[in-house]
Amino acid sequence: MNKQQQAVLNMAGFIKSQSLTLLEKLDALDADE
């Protein structure tokens, strides 16, 4: 695997974790209502 492929995988993993964090925050907001 070359450096470019590794960078893409790292970015994909970062975006995935950010999305999950965002979903958890949205769920918490919904629960407050």
PDB file of N, CA and C in Angstrom:
ATOM      1  N   MET A   1       0.857  -1.202   0.000  1.00  0.00           N
ATOM      2  CA  MET A   1       0.000   0.000   0.000  1.00  0.00           C
ATOM      3  C   MET A   1       0.888   1.244   0.000  1.00  0.00           C
ATOM      4  N   ASN A   2       0.579   2.191  -0.862  1.00  0.00           N
ATOM      5  CA  ASN A   2       1.419   3.384  -0.915  1.00  0.00           C
ATOM      6  C   ASN A   2       0.906   4.461   0.042  1.00  0.00           C
ATOM      7  N   LYS A   3       1.642   5.539   0.131  1.00  0.00           N
ATOM      8  CA  LYS A   3       1.303   6.591   1.096  1.00  0.00           C
ATOM      9  C   LYS A   3      -0.041   7.235   0.803  1.00  0.00           C
ATOM     10  N   GLN A   4      -0.363   7.376  -0.476  1.00  0.00           N
ATOM     11  CA  GLN A   4      -1.634   8.018  -0.823  1.00  0.00           C
ATOM     12  C   GLN A   4      -2.810   7.162  -0.362  1.00  0.00           C
ATOM     13  N   GLN A   5      -2.713   5.851  -0.589  1.00  0.00           N
ATOM     14  CA  GLN A   5      -3.786   4.954  -0.149  1.00  0.00           C
ATOM     15  C   GLN A   5      -3.914   4.985   1.372  1.00  0.00           C
ATOM     16  N   GLN A   6      -2.786   5.030   2.054  1.00  0.00           N
ATOM     17  CA  GLN A   6      -2.801   5.068   3.513  1.00  0.00           C
ATOM     18  C   GLN A   6      -3.472   6.345   4.010  1.00  0.00           C
ATOM     19  N   ALA A   7      -3.195   7.458   3.343  1.00  0.00           N
ATOM     20  CA  ALA A   7      -3.784   8.737   3.735  1.00  0.00           C
ATOM     21  C   ALA A   7      -5.295   8.717   3.540  1.00  0.00           C
ATOM     22  N   VAL A   8      -5.734   8.116   2.441  1.00  0.00           N
ATOM     23  CA  VAL A   8      -7.173   8.026   2.176  1.00  0.00           C
ATOM     24  C   VAL A   8      -7.858   7.188   3.252  1.00  0.00           C
ATOM     25  N   LEU A   9      -7.241   6.075   3.623  1.00  0.00           N
ATOM     26  CA  LEU A   9      -7.819   5.221   4.662  1.00  0.00           C
ATOM     27  C   LEU A   9      -7.878   5.954   5.994  1.00  0.00           C
ATOM     28  N   ASN A  10      -6.818   6.692   6.316  1.00  0.00           N
ATOM     29  CA  ASN A  10      -6.806   7.449   7.565  1.00  0.00           C
ATOM     30  C   ASN A  10      -7.923   8.479   7.581  1.00  0.00           C
ATOM     31  N   MET A  11      -8.122   9.160   6.469  1.00  0.00           N
ATOM     32  CA  MET A  11      -9.158  10.183   6.378  1.00  0.00           C
ATOM     33  C   MET A  11     -10.541   9.553   6.495  1.00  0.00           C
ATOM     34  N   ALA A  12     -10.720   8.401   5.853  1.00  0.00           N
ATOM     35  CA  ALA A  12     -12.009   7.713   5.914  1.00  0.00           C
ATOM     36  C   ALA A  12     -12.322   7.301   7.350  1.00  0.00           C
ATOM     37  N   GLY A  13     -11.332   6.801   8.053  1.00  0.00           N
ATOM     38  CA  GLY A  13     -11.533   6.407   9.443  1.00  0.00           C
ATOM     39  C   GLY A  13     -11.856   7.614  10.311  1.00  0.00           C
ATOM     40  N   PHE A  14     -11.202   8.734  10.043  1.00  0.00           N
ATOM     41  CA  PHE A  14     -11.442   9.959  10.803  1.00  0.00           C
ATOM     42  C   PHE A  14     -12.867  10.450  10.579  1.00  0.00           C
ATOM     43  N   ILE A  15     -13.286  10.485   9.310  1.00  0.00           N
ATOM     44  CA  ILE A  15     -14.637  10.945   8.979  1.00  0.00           C
ATOM     45  C   ILE A  15     -15.681  10.027   9.616  1.00  0.00           C
ATOM     46  N   LYS A  16     -15.426   8.735   9.583  1.00  0.00           N
ATOM     47  CA  LYS A  16     -16.365   7.771  10.166  1.00  0.00           C
ATOM     48  C   LYS A  16     -16.533   8.019  11.662  1.00  0.00           C
ATOM     49  N   SER A  17     -15.419   8.213  12.363  1.00  0.00           N
ATOM     50  CA  SER A  17     -15.505   8.442  13.805  1.00  0.00           C
ATOM     51  C   SER A  17     -16.190   9.769  14.106  1.00  0.00           C
ATOM     52  N   GLN A  18     -15.937  10.788  13.278  1.00  0.00           N
ATOM     53  CA  GLN A  18     -16.584  12.089  13.468  1.00  0.00           C
ATOM     54  C   GLN A  18     -18.089  11.969  13.249  1.00  0.00           C
ATOM     55  N   SER A  19     -18.487  11.199  12.249  1.00  0.00           N
ATOM     56  CA  SER A  19     -19.907  11.012  11.947  1.00  0.00           C
ATOM     57  C   SER A  19     -20.604  10.325  13.115  1.00  0.00           C
ATOM     58  N   LEU A  20     -19.957   9.302  13.677  1.00  0.00           N
ATOM     59  CA  LEU A  20     -20.548   8.588  14.803  1.00  0.00           C
ATOM     60  C   LEU A  20     -20.696   9.512  16.005  1.00  0.00           C
ATOM     61  N   THR A  21     -19.696  10.347  16.247  1.00  0.00           N
ATOM     62  CA  THR A  21     -19.757  11.296  17.356  1.00  0.00           C
ATOM     63  C   THR A  21     -20.901  12.276  17.150  1.00  0.00           C
ATOM     64  N   LEU A  22     -21.056  12.740  15.918  1.00  0.00           N
ATOM     65  CA  LEU A  22     -22.115  13.688  15.600  1.00  0.00           C
ATOM     66  C   LEU A  22     -23.485  13.051  15.805  1.00  0.00           C
ATOM     67  N   LEU A  23     -23.632  11.805  15.372  1.00  0.00           N
ATOM     68  CA  LEU A  23     -24.906  11.103  15.545  1.00  0.00           C
ATOM     69  C   LEU A  23     -25.242  10.950  17.024  1.00  0.00           C
ATOM     70  N   GLU A  24     -24.244  10.646  17.841  1.00  0.00           N
ATOM     71  CA  GLU A  24     -24.481  10.503  19.273  1.00  0.00           C
ATOM     72  C   GLU A  24     -24.952  11.822  19.873  1.00  0.00           C
ATOM     73  N   LYS A  25     -24.365  12.936  19.436  1.00  0.00           N
ATOM     74  CA  LYS A  25     -24.768  14.249  19.943  1.00  0.00           C
ATOM     75  C   LYS A  25     -26.191  14.574  19.519  1.00  0.00           C
ATOM     76  N   LEU A  26     -26.544  14.236  18.281  1.00  0.00           N
ATOM     77  CA  LEU A  26     -27.903  14.488  17.804  1.00  0.00           C
ATOM     78  C   LEU A  26     -28.901  13.651  18.598  1.00  0.00           C
ATOM     79  N   ASP A  27     -28.566  12.406  18.873  1.00  0.00           N
ATOM     80  CA  ASP A  27     -29.444  11.547  19.667  1.00  0.00           C
ATOM     81  C   ASP A  27     -29.637  12.128  21.062  1.00  0.00           C
ATOM     82  N   ALA A  28     -28.569  12.665  21.635  1.00  0.00           N
ATOM     83  CA  ALA A  28     -28.652  13.253  22.968  1.00  0.00           C
ATOM     84  C   ALA A  28     -29.561  14.480  22.947  1.00  0.00           C
ATOM     85  N   LEU A  29     -29.482  15.272  21.887  1.00  0.00           N
ATOM     86  CA  LEU A  29     -30.339  16.451  21.770  1.00  0.00           C
ATOM     87  C   LEU A  29     -31.799  16.031  21.656  1.00  0.00           C
ATOM     88  N   ASP A  30     -32.062  14.997  20.875  1.00  0.00           N
ATOM     89  CA  ASP A  30     -33.432  14.514  20.716  1.00  0.00           C
ATOM     90  C   ASP A  30     -33.989  14.027  22.049  1.00  0.00           C
ATOM     91  N   ALA A  31     -33.152  13.408  22.849  1.00  0.00           N
ATOM     92  CA  ALA A  31     -33.601  12.866  24.130  1.00  0.00           C
ATOM     93  C   ALA A  31     -33.971  13.981  25.108  1.00  0.00           C
ATOM     94  N   ASP A  32     -33.386  15.154  24.928  1.00  0.00           N
ATOM     95  CA  ASP A  32     -33.659  16.264  25.845  1.00  0.00           C
ATOM     96  C   ASP A  32     -35.071  16.816  25.695  1.00  0.00           C
ATOM     97  N   GLU A  33     -35.643  16.681  24.515  1.00  0.00           N
ATOM     98  CA  GLU A  33     -36.955  17.292  24.273  1.00  0.00           C
ATOM     99  C   GLU A  33     -38.067  16.585  25.026  1.00  0.00           C
TER     100      GLU A  33
END
